[in-house]
Amino acid sequence: MVAEAPRLSSPAQPIRQVDGLAADAPNGELGRLARLVGEHRRISAELDMEIDRLVNADIGWPVIAHALGVSRQAARQRHERRVRAALLAVFASGDSAARPGKPSGD
């Protein structure tokens, strides 16, 4: 019987030892993977910033989606999920200064 590989709950999680699996890899074997994951995160963050810039410049979703190679709906929904998650994180942090429409206490 082959055990299914453990999955990380989100791509934003750091590479870490899972149930002793990383300890079984020879020294340095996971270094390339760790570098690739870091690069993927950096590029993903750059893509997100560029999409934000284009949206704020009133570039339409069909144009953005075409450049990404996905449907308009897929591009828009990914952006909206990311923005919603960021807003929820601000509200969950209790940082009233960061909340829209809330006085900052100045």
PDB file of N, CA and C in Angstrom:
ATOM      1  N   MET A   1       0.831  -1.169   0.000  1.00  0.00           N
ATOM      2  CA  MET A   1       0.000   0.000   0.000  1.00  0.00           C
ATOM      3  C   MET A   1       0.891   1.252   0.000  1.00  0.00           C
ATOM      4  N   VAL A   2       0.580   2.229  -0.879  1.00  0.00           N
ATOM      5  CA  VAL A   2       1.348   3.452  -0.980  1.00  0.00           C
ATOM      6  C   VAL A   2       0.617   4.546  -0.227  1.00  0.00           C
ATOM      7  N   ALA A   3       1.306   5.187   0.704  1.00  0.00           N
ATOM      8  CA  ALA A   3       0.688   6.263   1.481  1.00  0.00           C
ATOM      9  C   ALA A   3       0.657   7.527   0.646  1.00  0.00           C
ATOM     10  N   GLU A   4      -0.442   8.250   0.758  1.00  0.00           N
ATOM     11  CA  GLU A   4      -0.571   9.519   0.041  1.00  0.00           C
ATOM     12  C   GLU A   4       0.333  10.549   0.701  1.00  0.00           C
ATOM     13  N   ALA A   5       0.995  11.352  -0.122  1.00  0.00           N
ATOM     14  CA  ALA A   5       1.892  12.381   0.398  1.00  0.00           C
ATOM     15  C   ALA A   5       1.077  13.424   1.149  1.00  0.00           C
ATOM     16  N   PRO A   6       1.579  13.921   2.275  1.00  0.00           N
ATOM     17  CA  PRO A   6       0.869  14.955   3.016  1.00  0.00           C
ATOM     18  C   PRO A   6       0.795  16.230   2.185  1.00  0.00           C
ATOM     19  N   ARG A   7      -0.312  16.932   2.312  1.00  0.00           N
ATOM     20  CA  ARG A   7      -0.495  18.169   1.566  1.00  0.00           C
ATOM     21  C   ARG A   7      -0.477  19.351   2.527  1.00  0.00           C
ATOM     22  N   LEU A   8       0.085  20.444   2.074  1.00  0.00           N
ATOM     23  CA  LEU A   8       0.035  21.679   2.846  1.00  0.00           C
ATOM     24  C   LEU A   8      -1.322  22.303   2.621  1.00  0.00           C
ATOM     25  N   SER A   9      -1.860  22.970   3.624  1.00  0.00           N
ATOM     26  CA  SER A   9      -3.205  23.512   3.505  1.00  0.00           C
ATOM     27  C   SER A   9      -3.274  24.727   2.592  1.00  0.00           C
ATOM     28  N   SER A  10      -2.168  25.409   2.372  1.00  0.00           N
ATOM     29  CA  SER A  10      -2.179  26.540   1.450  1.00  0.00           C
ATOM     30  C   SER A  10      -0.780  26.712   0.874  1.00  0.00           C
ATOM     31  N   PRO A  11      -0.695  27.300  -0.332  1.00  0.00           N
ATOM     32  CA  PRO A  11       0.621  27.499  -0.930  1.00  0.00           C
ATOM     33  C   PRO A  11       1.465  28.515  -0.173  1.00  0.00           C
ATOM     34  N   ALA A  12       0.856  29.278   0.730  1.00  0.00           N
ATOM     35  CA  ALA A  12       1.597  30.296   1.468  1.00  0.00           C
ATOM     36  C   ALA A  12       2.349  29.715   2.654  1.00  0.00           C
ATOM     37  N   GLN A  13       2.113  28.453   3.001  1.00  0.00           N
ATOM     38  CA  GLN A  13       2.804  27.856   4.126  1.00  0.00           C
ATOM     39  C   GLN A  13       4.266  27.607   3.765  1.00  0.00           C
ATOM     40  N   PRO A  14       5.153  27.802   4.736  1.00  0.00           N
ATOM     41  CA  PRO A  14       6.561  27.528   4.455  1.00  0.00           C
ATOM     42  C   PRO A  14       6.795  26.030   4.329  1.00  0.00           C
ATOM     43  N   ILE A  15       7.875  25.681   3.620  1.00  0.00           N
ATOM     44  CA  ILE A  15       8.261  24.276   3.555  1.00  0.00           C
ATOM     45  C   ILE A  15       8.734  23.894   4.943  1.00  0.00           C
ATOM     46  N   ARG A  16       8.257  22.794   5.448  1.00  0.00           N
ATOM     47  CA  ARG A  16       8.623  22.360   6.784  1.00  0.00           C
ATOM     48  C   ARG A  16       8.666  20.839   6.808  1.00  0.00           C
ATOM     49  N   GLN A  17       9.202  20.327   7.848  1.00  0.00           N
ATOM     50  CA  GLN A  17       9.242  18.882   8.008  1.00  0.00           C
ATOM     51  C   GLN A  17       7.825  18.393   8.291  1.00  0.00           C
ATOM     52  N   VAL A  18       7.392  17.367   7.568  1.00  0.00           N
ATOM     53  CA  VAL A  18       6.065  16.799   7.749  1.00  0.00           C
ATOM     54  C   VAL A  18       6.230  15.339   8.120  1.00  0.00           C
ATOM     55  N   ASP A  19       5.839  14.994   9.325  1.00  0.00           N
ATOM     56  CA  ASP A  19       5.894  13.610   9.790  1.00  0.00           C
ATOM     57  C   ASP A  19       7.252  12.954   9.531  1.00  0.00           C
ATOM     58  N   GLY A  20       8.340  13.691   9.697  1.00  0.00           N
ATOM     59  CA  GLY A  20       9.665  13.116   9.545  1.00  0.00           C
ATOM     60  C   GLY A  20      10.122  12.920   8.110  1.00  0.00           C
ATOM     61  N   LEU A  21       9.304  13.302   7.116  1.00  0.00           N
ATOM     62  CA  LEU A  21       9.671  13.069   5.718  1.00  0.00           C
ATOM     63  C   LEU A  21      10.898  13.866   5.300  1.00  0.00           C
ATOM     64  N   ALA A  22      10.963  15.134   5.736  1.00  0.00           N
ATOM     65  CA  ALA A  22      12.104  15.962   5.340  1.00  0.00           C
ATOM     66  C   ALA A  22      13.398  15.424   5.933  1.00  0.00           C
ATOM     67  N   ALA A  23      13.321  14.798   7.093  1.00  0.00           N
ATOM     68  CA  ALA A  23      14.521  14.256   7.726  1.00  0.00           C
ATOM     69  C   ALA A  23      15.087  13.088   6.918  1.00  0.00           C
ATOM     70  N   ASP A  24      14.252  12.427   6.111  1.00  0.00           N
ATOM     71  CA  ASP A  24      14.695  11.296   5.312  1.00  0.00           C
ATOM     72  C   ASP A  24      15.458  11.725   4.058  1.00  0.00           C
ATOM     73  N   ALA A  25      15.332  12.987   3.649  1.00  0.00           N
ATOM     74  CA  ALA A  25      15.988  13.463   2.436  1.00  0.00           C
ATOM     75  C   ALA A  25      17.467  13.712   2.718  1.00  0.00           C
ATOM     76  N   PRO A  26      18.329  13.350   1.767  1.00  0.00           N
ATOM     77  CA  PRO A  26      19.762  13.628   1.948  1.00  0.00           C
ATOM     78  C   PRO A  26      19.999  15.131   2.075  1.00  0.00           C
ATOM     79  N   ASN A  27      21.087  15.492   2.757  1.00  0.00           N
ATOM     80  CA  ASN A  27      21.419  16.911   2.941  1.00  0.00           C
ATOM     81  C   ASN A  27      21.352  17.671   1.624  1.00  0.00           C
ATOM     82  N   GLY A  28      20.676  18.800   1.633  1.00  0.00           N
ATOM     83  CA  GLY A  28      20.620  19.662   0.465  1.00  0.00           C
ATOM     84  C   GLY A  28      19.602  19.278  -0.584  1.00  0.00           C
ATOM     85  N   GLU A  29      18.980  18.122  -0.464  1.00  0.00           N
ATOM     86  CA  GLU A  29      18.034  17.674  -1.488  1.00  0.00           C
ATOM     87  C   GLU A  29      16.808  18.573  -1.572  1.00  0.00           C
ATOM     88  N   LEU A  30      16.437  19.217  -0.477  1.00  0.00           N
ATOM     89  CA  LEU A  30      15.250  20.061  -0.486  1.00  0.00           C
ATOM     90  C   LEU A  30      15.580  21.527  -0.724  1.00  0.00           C
ATOM     91  N   GLY A  31      16.853  21.854  -0.831  1.00  0.00           N
ATOM     92  CA  GLY A  31      17.262  23.241  -1.028  1.00  0.00           C
ATOM     93  C   GLY A  31      16.706  23.853  -2.302  1.00  0.00           C
ATOM     94  N   ARG A  32      16.771  23.121  -3.405  1.00  0.00           N
ATOM     95  CA  ARG A  32      16.266  23.638  -4.683  1.00  0.00           C
ATOM     96  C   ARG A  32      14.764  23.862  -4.598  1.00  0.00           C
ATOM     97  N   LEU A  33      14.069  22.904  -3.994  1.00  0.00           N
ATOM     98  CA  LEU A  33      12.619  23.045  -3.845  1.00  0.00           C
ATOM     99  C   LEU A  33      12.287  24.276  -3.006  1.00  0.00           C
ATOM    100  N   ALA A  34      12.996  24.474  -1.913  1.00  0.00           N
ATOM    101  CA  ALA A  34      12.753  25.635  -1.057  1.00  0.00           C
ATOM    102  C   ALA A  34      12.994  26.935  -1.821  1.00  0.00           C
ATOM    103  N   ARG A  35      14.071  26.967  -2.638  1.00  0.00           N
ATOM    104  CA  ARG A  35      14.352  28.166  -3.445  1.00  0.00           C
ATOM    105  C   ARG A  35      13.243  28.409  -4.461  1.00  0.00           C
ATOM    106  N   LEU A  36      12.764  27.339  -5.103  1.00  0.00           N
ATOM    107  CA  LEU A  36      11.688  27.481  -6.090  1.00  0.00           C
ATOM    108  C   LEU A  36      10.396  27.968  -5.449  1.00  0.00           C
ATOM    109  N   VAL A  37      10.087  27.466  -4.272  1.00  0.00           N
ATOM    110  CA  VAL A  37       8.884  27.916  -3.564  1.00  0.00           C
ATOM    111  C   VAL A  37       9.007  29.396  -3.222  1.00  0.00           C
ATOM    112  N   GLY A  38      10.170  29.807  -2.757  1.00  0.00           N
ATOM    113  CA  GLY A  38      10.391  31.219  -2.452  1.00  0.00           C
ATOM    114  C   GLY A  38      10.235  32.095  -3.687  1.00  0.00           C
ATOM    115  N   GLU A  39      10.796  31.642  -4.790  1.00  0.00           N
ATOM    116  CA  GLU A  39      10.685  32.394  -6.049  1.00  0.00           C
ATOM    117  C   GLU A  39       9.227  32.452  -6.514  1.00  0.00           C
ATOM    118  N   HIS A  40       8.520  31.346  -6.373  1.00  0.00           N
ATOM    119  CA  HIS A  40       7.103  31.305  -6.746  1.00  0.00           C
ATOM    120  C   HIS A  40       6.305  32.322  -5.930  1.00  0.00           C
ATOM    121  N   ARG A  41       6.575  32.389  -4.634  1.00  0.00           N
ATOM    122  CA  ARG A  41       5.872  33.347  -3.772  1.00  0.00           C
ATOM    123  C   ARG A  41       6.187  34.782  -4.185  1.00  0.00           C
ATOM    124  N   ARG A  42       7.459  35.045  -4.487  1.00  0.00           N
ATOM    125  CA  ARG A  42       7.857  36.400  -4.888  1.00  0.00           C
ATOM    126  C   ARG A  42       7.156  36.794  -6.181  1.00  0.00           C
ATOM    127  N   ILE A  43       7.161  35.891  -7.155  1.00  0.00           N
ATOM    128  CA  ILE A  43       6.519  36.175  -8.442  1.00  0.00           C
ATOM    129  C   ILE A  43       5.015  36.326  -8.267  1.00  0.00           C
ATOM    130  N   SER A  44       4.408  35.481  -7.449  1.00  0.00           N
ATOM    131  CA  SER A  44       2.978  35.564  -7.194  1.00  0.00           C
ATOM    132  C   SER A  44       2.612  36.915  -6.575  1.00  0.00           C
ATOM    133  N   ALA A  45       3.436  37.382  -5.633  1.00  0.00           N
ATOM    134  CA  ALA A  45       3.194  38.685  -5.017  1.00  0.00           C
ATOM    135  C   ALA A  45       3.329  39.807  -6.049  1.00  0.00           C
ATOM    136  N   GLU A  46       4.314  39.702  -6.939  1.00  0.00           N
ATOM    137  CA  GLU A  46       4.474  40.705  -7.999  1.00  0.00           C
ATOM    138  C   GLU A  46       3.273  40.704  -8.935  1.00  0.00           C
ATOM    139  N   LEU A  47       2.790  39.505  -9.288  1.00  0.00           N
ATOM    140  CA  LEU A  47       1.600  39.408 -10.137  1.00  0.00           C
ATOM    141  C   LEU A  47       0.408  40.081  -9.466  1.00  0.00           C
ATOM    142  N   ASP A  48       0.232  39.817  -8.174  1.00  0.00           N
ATOM    143  CA  ASP A  48      -0.883  40.417  -7.442  1.00  0.00           C
ATOM    144  C   ASP A  48      -0.794  41.943  -7.463  1.00  0.00           C
ATOM    145  N   MET A  49       0.414  42.474  -7.238  1.00  0.00           N
ATOM    146  CA  MET A  49       0.590  43.932  -7.247  1.00  0.00           C
ATOM    147  C   MET A  49       0.315  44.513  -8.635  1.00  0.00           C
ATOM    148  N   GLU A  50       0.759  43.806  -9.673  1.00  0.00           N
ATOM    149  CA  GLU A  50       0.527  44.292 -11.035  1.00  0.00           C
ATOM    150  C   GLU A  50      -0.954  44.259 -11.386  1.00  0.00           C
ATOM    151  N   ILE A  51      -1.641  43.204 -10.966  1.00  0.00           N
ATOM    152  CA  ILE A  51      -3.082  43.124 -11.219  1.00  0.00           C
ATOM    153  C   ILE A  51      -3.791  44.250 -10.479  1.00  0.00           C
ATOM    154  N   ASP A  52      -3.408  44.522  -9.227  1.00  0.00           N
ATOM    155  CA  ASP A  52      -3.985  45.645  -8.485  1.00  0.00           C
ATOM    156  C   ASP A  52      -3.781  46.953  -9.238  1.00  0.00           C
ATOM    157  N   ARG A  53      -2.561  47.144  -9.749  1.00  0.00           N
ATOM    158  CA  ARG A  53      -2.252  48.383 -10.482  1.00  0.00           C
ATOM    159  C   ARG A  53      -3.129  48.509 -11.722  1.00  0.00           C
ATOM    160  N   LEU A  54      -3.274  47.412 -12.465  1.00  0.00           N
ATOM    161  CA  LEU A  54      -4.092  47.443 -13.683  1.00  0.00           C
ATOM    162  C   LEU A  54      -5.562  47.693 -13.370  1.00  0.00           C
ATOM    163  N   VAL A  55      -6.062  47.054 -12.318  1.00  0.00           N
ATOM    164  CA  VAL A  55      -7.461  47.266 -11.915  1.00  0.00           C
ATOM    165  C   VAL A  55      -7.669  48.725 -11.529  1.00  0.00           C
ATOM    166  N   ASN A  56      -6.734  49.284 -10.750  1.00  0.00           N
ATOM    167  CA  ASN A  56      -6.838  50.684 -10.334  1.00  0.00           C
ATOM    168  C   ASN A  56      -6.698  51.649 -11.509  1.00  0.00           C
ATOM    169  N   ALA A  57      -6.068  51.198 -12.591  1.00  0.00           N
ATOM    170  CA  ALA A  57      -5.929  52.018 -13.799  1.00  0.00           C
ATOM    171  C   ALA A  57      -7.110  51.800 -14.752  1.00  0.00           C
ATOM    172  N   ASP A  58      -8.158  51.110 -14.253  1.00  0.00           N
ATOM    173  CA  ASP A  58      -9.376  50.842 -15.030  1.00  0.00           C
ATOM    174  C   ASP A  58      -9.132  49.997 -16.278  1.00  0.00           C
ATOM    175  N   ILE A  59      -8.143  49.106 -16.209  1.00  0.00           N
ATOM    176  CA  ILE A  59      -7.956  48.128 -17.276  1.00  0.00           C
ATOM    177  C   ILE A  59      -8.992  47.029 -17.044  1.00  0.00           C
ATOM    178  N   GLY A  60      -9.694  46.630 -18.076  1.00  0.00           N
ATOM    179  CA  GLY A  60     -10.785  45.670 -17.932  1.00  0.00           C
ATOM    180  C   GLY A  60     -10.320  44.246 -17.659  1.00  0.00           C
ATOM    181  N   TRP A  61     -11.201  43.476 -17.001  1.00  0.00           N
ATOM    182  CA  TRP A  61     -10.888  42.090 -16.689  1.00  0.00           C
ATOM    183  C   TRP A  61     -10.646  41.231 -17.926  1.00  0.00           C
ATOM    184  N   PRO A  62     -11.332  41.470 -19.050  1.00  0.00           N
ATOM    185  CA  PRO A  62     -11.015  40.656 -20.231  1.00  0.00           C
ATOM    186  C   PRO A  62      -9.561  40.812 -20.683  1.00  0.00           C
ATOM    187  N   VAL A  63      -9.028  42.018 -20.602  1.00  0.00           N
ATOM    188  CA  VAL A  63      -7.640  42.274 -21.004  1.00  0.00           C
ATOM    189  C   VAL A  63      -6.676  41.622 -20.015  1.00  0.00           C
ATOM    190  N   ILE A  64      -6.946  41.797 -18.714  1.00  0.00           N
ATOM    191  CA  ILE A  64      -6.098  41.204 -17.676  1.00  0.00           C
ATOM    192  C   ILE A  64      -6.125  39.683 -17.792  1.00  0.00           C
ATOM    193  N   ALA A  65      -7.321  39.127 -17.942  1.00  0.00           N
ATOM    194  CA  ALA A  65      -7.476  37.670 -18.028  1.00  0.00           C
ATOM    195  C   ALA A  65      -6.728  37.108 -19.231  1.00  0.00           C
ATOM    196  N   HIS A  66      -6.813  37.795 -20.366  1.00  0.00           N
ATOM    197  CA  HIS A  66      -6.110  37.335 -21.566  1.00  0.00           C
ATOM    198  C   HIS A  66      -4.600  37.280 -21.314  1.00  0.00           C
ATOM    199  N   ALA A  67      -4.073  38.318 -20.667  1.00  0.00           N
ATOM    200  CA  ALA A  67      -2.639  38.349 -20.369  1.00  0.00           C
ATOM    201  C   ALA A  67      -2.241  37.224 -19.412  1.00  0.00           C
ATOM    202  N   LEU A  68      -3.148  36.861 -18.499  1.00  0.00           N
ATOM    203  CA  LEU A  68      -2.873  35.778 -17.546  1.00  0.00           C
ATOM    204  C   LEU A  68      -3.108  34.400 -18.144  1.00  0.00           C
ATOM    205  N   GLY A  69      -3.842  34.342 -19.253  1.00  0.00           N
ATOM    206  CA  GLY A  69      -4.147  33.059 -19.867  1.00  0.00           C
ATOM    207  C   GLY A  69      -5.259  32.304 -19.164  1.00  0.00           C
ATOM    208  N   VAL A  70      -6.160  33.052 -18.520  1.00  0.00           N
ATOM    209  CA  VAL A  70      -7.299  32.449 -17.824  1.00  0.00           C
ATOM    210  C   VAL A  70      -8.574  33.172 -18.253  1.00  0.00           C
ATOM    211  N   SER A  71      -9.712  32.662 -17.809  1.00  0.00           N
ATOM    212  CA  SER A  71     -10.971  33.323 -18.136  1.00  0.00           C
ATOM    213  C   SER A  71     -11.110  34.612 -17.325  1.00  0.00           C
ATOM    214  N   ARG A  72     -11.942  35.505 -17.821  1.00  0.00           N
ATOM    215  CA  ARG A  72     -12.219  36.757 -17.119  1.00  0.00           C
ATOM    216  C   ARG A  72     -12.739  36.468 -15.718  1.00  0.00           C
ATOM    217  N   GLN A  73     -13.639  35.503 -15.626  1.00  0.00           N
ATOM    218  CA  GLN A  73     -14.233  35.152 -14.343  1.00  0.00           C
ATOM    219  C   GLN A  73     -13.171  34.619 -13.372  1.00  0.00           C
ATOM    220  N   ALA A  74     -12.290  33.767 -13.849  1.00  0.00           N
ATOM    221  CA  ALA A  74     -11.244  33.211 -12.986  1.00  0.00           C
ATOM    222  C   ALA A  74     -10.320  34.312 -12.469  1.00  0.00           C
ATOM    223  N   ALA A  75      -9.931  35.227 -13.330  1.00  0.00           N
ATOM    224  CA  ALA A  75      -9.035  36.312 -12.927  1.00  0.00           C
ATOM    225  C   ALA A  75      -9.708  37.210 -11.893  1.00  0.00           C
ATOM    226  N   ARG A  76     -10.936  37.592 -12.155  1.00  0.00           N
ATOM    227  CA  ARG A  76     -11.668  38.490 -11.255  1.00  0.00           C
ATOM    228  C   ARG A  76     -11.920  37.823  -9.907  1.00  0.00           C
ATOM    229  N   GLN A  77     -12.330  36.560  -9.923  1.00  0.00           N
ATOM    230  CA  GLN A  77     -12.624  35.871  -8.671  1.00  0.00           C
ATOM    231  C   GLN A  77     -11.378  35.680  -7.818  1.00  0.00           C
ATOM    232  N   ARG A  78     -10.236  35.382  -8.433  1.00  0.00           N
ATOM    233  CA  ARG A  78      -8.999  35.233  -7.663  1.00  0.00           C
ATOM    234  C   ARG A  78      -8.639  36.559  -6.997  1.00  0.00           C
ATOM    235  N   HIS A  79      -8.759  37.636  -7.752  1.00  0.00           N
ATOM    236  CA  HIS A  79      -8.454  38.966  -7.217  1.00  0.00           C
ATOM    237  C   HIS A  79      -9.398  39.296  -6.057  1.00  0.00           C
ATOM    238  N   GLU A  80     -10.687  39.054  -6.241  1.00  0.00           N
ATOM    239  CA  GLU A  80     -11.661  39.382  -5.204  1.00  0.00           C
ATOM    240  C   GLU A  80     -11.446  38.546  -3.942  1.00  0.00           C
ATOM    241  N   ARG A  81     -11.106  37.262  -4.093  1.00  0.00           N
ATOM    242  CA  ARG A  81     -10.829  36.415  -2.920  1.00  0.00           C
ATOM    243  C   ARG A  81      -9.621  36.941  -2.156  1.00  0.00           C
ATOM    244  N   ARG A  82      -8.593  37.345  -2.884  1.00  0.00           N
ATOM    245  CA  ARG A  82      -7.376  37.857  -2.247  1.00  0.00           C
ATOM    246  C   ARG A  82      -7.657  39.156  -1.506  1.00  0.00           C
ATOM    247  N   VAL A  83      -8.406  40.063  -2.140  1.00  0.00           N
ATOM    248  CA  VAL A  83      -8.736  41.342  -1.514  1.00  0.00           C
ATOM    249  C   VAL A  83      -9.617  41.111  -0.283  1.00  0.00           C
ATOM    250  N   ARG A  84     -10.595  40.226  -0.420  1.00  0.00           N
ATOM    251  CA  ARG A  84     -11.491  39.927   0.710  1.00  0.00           C
ATOM    252  C   ARG A  84     -10.704  39.343   1.879  1.00  0.00           C
ATOM    253  N   ALA A  85      -9.780  38.430   1.601  1.00  0.00           N
ATOM    254  CA  ALA A  85      -8.966  37.823   2.658  1.00  0.00           C
ATOM    255  C   ALA A  85      -8.108  38.874   3.354  1.00  0.00           C
ATOM    256  N   ALA A  86      -7.554  39.802   2.590  1.00  0.00           N
ATOM    257  CA  ALA A  86      -6.730  40.861   3.180  1.00  0.00           C
ATOM    258  C   ALA A  86      -7.568  41.764   4.077  1.00  0.00           C
ATOM    259  N   LEU A  87      -8.771  42.100   3.631  1.00  0.00           N
ATOM    260  CA  LEU A  87      -9.648  42.938   4.454  1.00  0.00           C
ATOM    261  C   LEU A  87     -10.062  42.221   5.732  1.00  0.00           C
ATOM    262  N   LEU A  88     -10.382  40.946   5.617  1.00  0.00           N
ATOM    263  CA  LEU A  88     -10.755  40.178   6.805  1.00  0.00           C
ATOM    264  C   LEU A  88      -9.595  40.111   7.794  1.00  0.00           C
ATOM    265  N   ALA A  89      -8.378  39.993   7.290  1.00  0.00           N
ATOM    266  CA  ALA A  89      -7.203  39.950   8.169  1.00  0.00           C
ATOM    267  C   ALA A  89      -7.046  41.272   8.915  1.00  0.00           C
ATOM    268  N   VAL A  90      -7.312  42.383   8.237  1.00  0.00           N
ATOM    269  CA  VAL A  90      -7.221  43.698   8.887  1.00  0.00           C
ATOM    270  C   VAL A  90      -8.267  43.798   9.987  1.00  0.00           C
ATOM    271  N   PHE A  91      -9.490  43.401   9.681  1.00  0.00           N
ATOM    272  CA  PHE A  91     -10.553  43.486  10.678  1.00  0.00           C
ATOM    273  C   PHE A  91     -10.295  42.530  11.838  1.00  0.00           C
ATOM    274  N   ALA A  92      -9.778  41.346  11.564  1.00  0.00           N
ATOM    275  CA  ALA A  92      -9.505  40.361  12.608  1.00  0.00           C
ATOM    276  C   ALA A  92      -8.367  40.815  13.516  1.00  0.00           C
ATOM    277  N   SER A  93      -7.462  41.627  12.983  1.00  0.00           N
ATOM    278  CA  SER A  93      -6.318  42.079  13.773  1.00  0.00           C
ATOM    279  C   SER A  93      -6.724  43.122  14.806  1.00  0.00           C
ATOM    280  N   GLY A  94      -7.909  43.700  14.637  1.00  0.00           N
ATOM    281  CA  GLY A  94      -8.354  44.722  15.574  1.00  0.00           C
ATOM    282  C   GLY A  94      -7.696  46.058  15.352  1.00  0.00           C
ATOM    283  N   ASP A  95      -7.020  46.235  14.236  1.00  0.00           N
ATOM    284  CA  ASP A  95      -6.329  47.490  13.929  1.00  0.00           C
ATOM    285  C   ASP A  95      -7.339  48.493  13.390  1.00  0.00           C
ATOM    286  N   SER A  96      -7.951  49.267  14.296  1.00  0.00           N
ATOM    287  CA  SER A  96      -8.997  50.194  13.869  1.00  0.00           C
ATOM    288  C   SER A  96      -8.454  51.296  12.970  1.00  0.00           C
ATOM    289  N   ALA A  97      -7.157  51.599  13.062  1.00  0.00           N
ATOM    290  CA  ALA A  97      -6.570  52.632  12.210  1.00  0.00           C
ATOM    291  C   ALA A  97      -6.566  52.203  10.750  1.00  0.00           C
ATOM    292  N   ALA A  98      -6.523  50.908  10.497  1.00  0.00           N
ATOM    293  CA  ALA A  98      -6.473  50.402   9.125  1.00  0.00           C
ATOM    294  C   ALA A  98      -7.853  50.188   8.537  1.00  0.00           C
ATOM    295  N   ARG A  99      -8.896  50.289   9.353  1.00  0.00           N
ATOM    296  CA  ARG A  99     -10.251  50.048   8.862  1.00  0.00           C
ATOM    297  C   ARG A  99     -10.782  51.267   8.120  1.00  0.00           C
ATOM    298  N   PRO A 100     -11.397  51.032   6.973  1.00  0.00           N
ATOM    299  CA  PRO A 100     -11.974  52.148   6.229  1.00  0.00           C
ATOM    300  C   PRO A 100     -13.079  52.811   7.042  1.00  0.00           C
ATOM    301  N   GLY A 101     -13.098  54.133   7.052  1.00  0.00           N
ATOM    302  CA  GLY A 101     -14.170  54.866   7.711  1.00  0.00           C
ATOM    303  C   GLY A 101     -14.035  54.959   9.218  1.00  0.00           C
ATOM    304  N   LYS A 102     -13.003  54.419   9.785  1.00  0.00           N
ATOM    305  CA  LYS A 102     -12.797  54.471  11.236  1.00  0.00           C
ATOM    306  C   LYS A 102     -11.778  55.554  11.554  1.00  0.00           C
ATOM    307  N   PRO A 103     -12.045  56.365  12.572  1.00  0.00           N
ATOM    308  CA  PRO A 103     -11.040  57.361  12.961  1.00  0.00           C
ATOM    309  C   PRO A 103      -9.793  56.671  13.499  1.00  0.00           C
ATOM    310  N   SER A 104      -8.651  57.248  13.219  1.00  0.00           N
ATOM    311  CA  SER A 104      -7.386  56.639  13.629  1.00  0.00           C
ATOM    312  C   SER A 104      -6.985  57.038  15.033  1.00  0.00           C
ATOM    313  N   GLY A 105      -7.771  57.898  15.677  1.00  0.00           N
ATOM    314  CA  GLY A 105      -7.446  58.306  17.029  1.00  0.00           C
ATOM    315  C   GLY A 105      -6.574  59.535  17.094  1.00  0.00           C
ATOM    316  N   ASP A 106      -6.334  60.168  15.934  1.00  0.00           N
ATOM    317  CA  ASP A 106      -5.513  61.390  15.903  1.00  0.00           C
ATOM    318  C   ASP A 106      -6.294  62.563  16.379  1.00  0.00           C
TER     319      ASP A 106
END
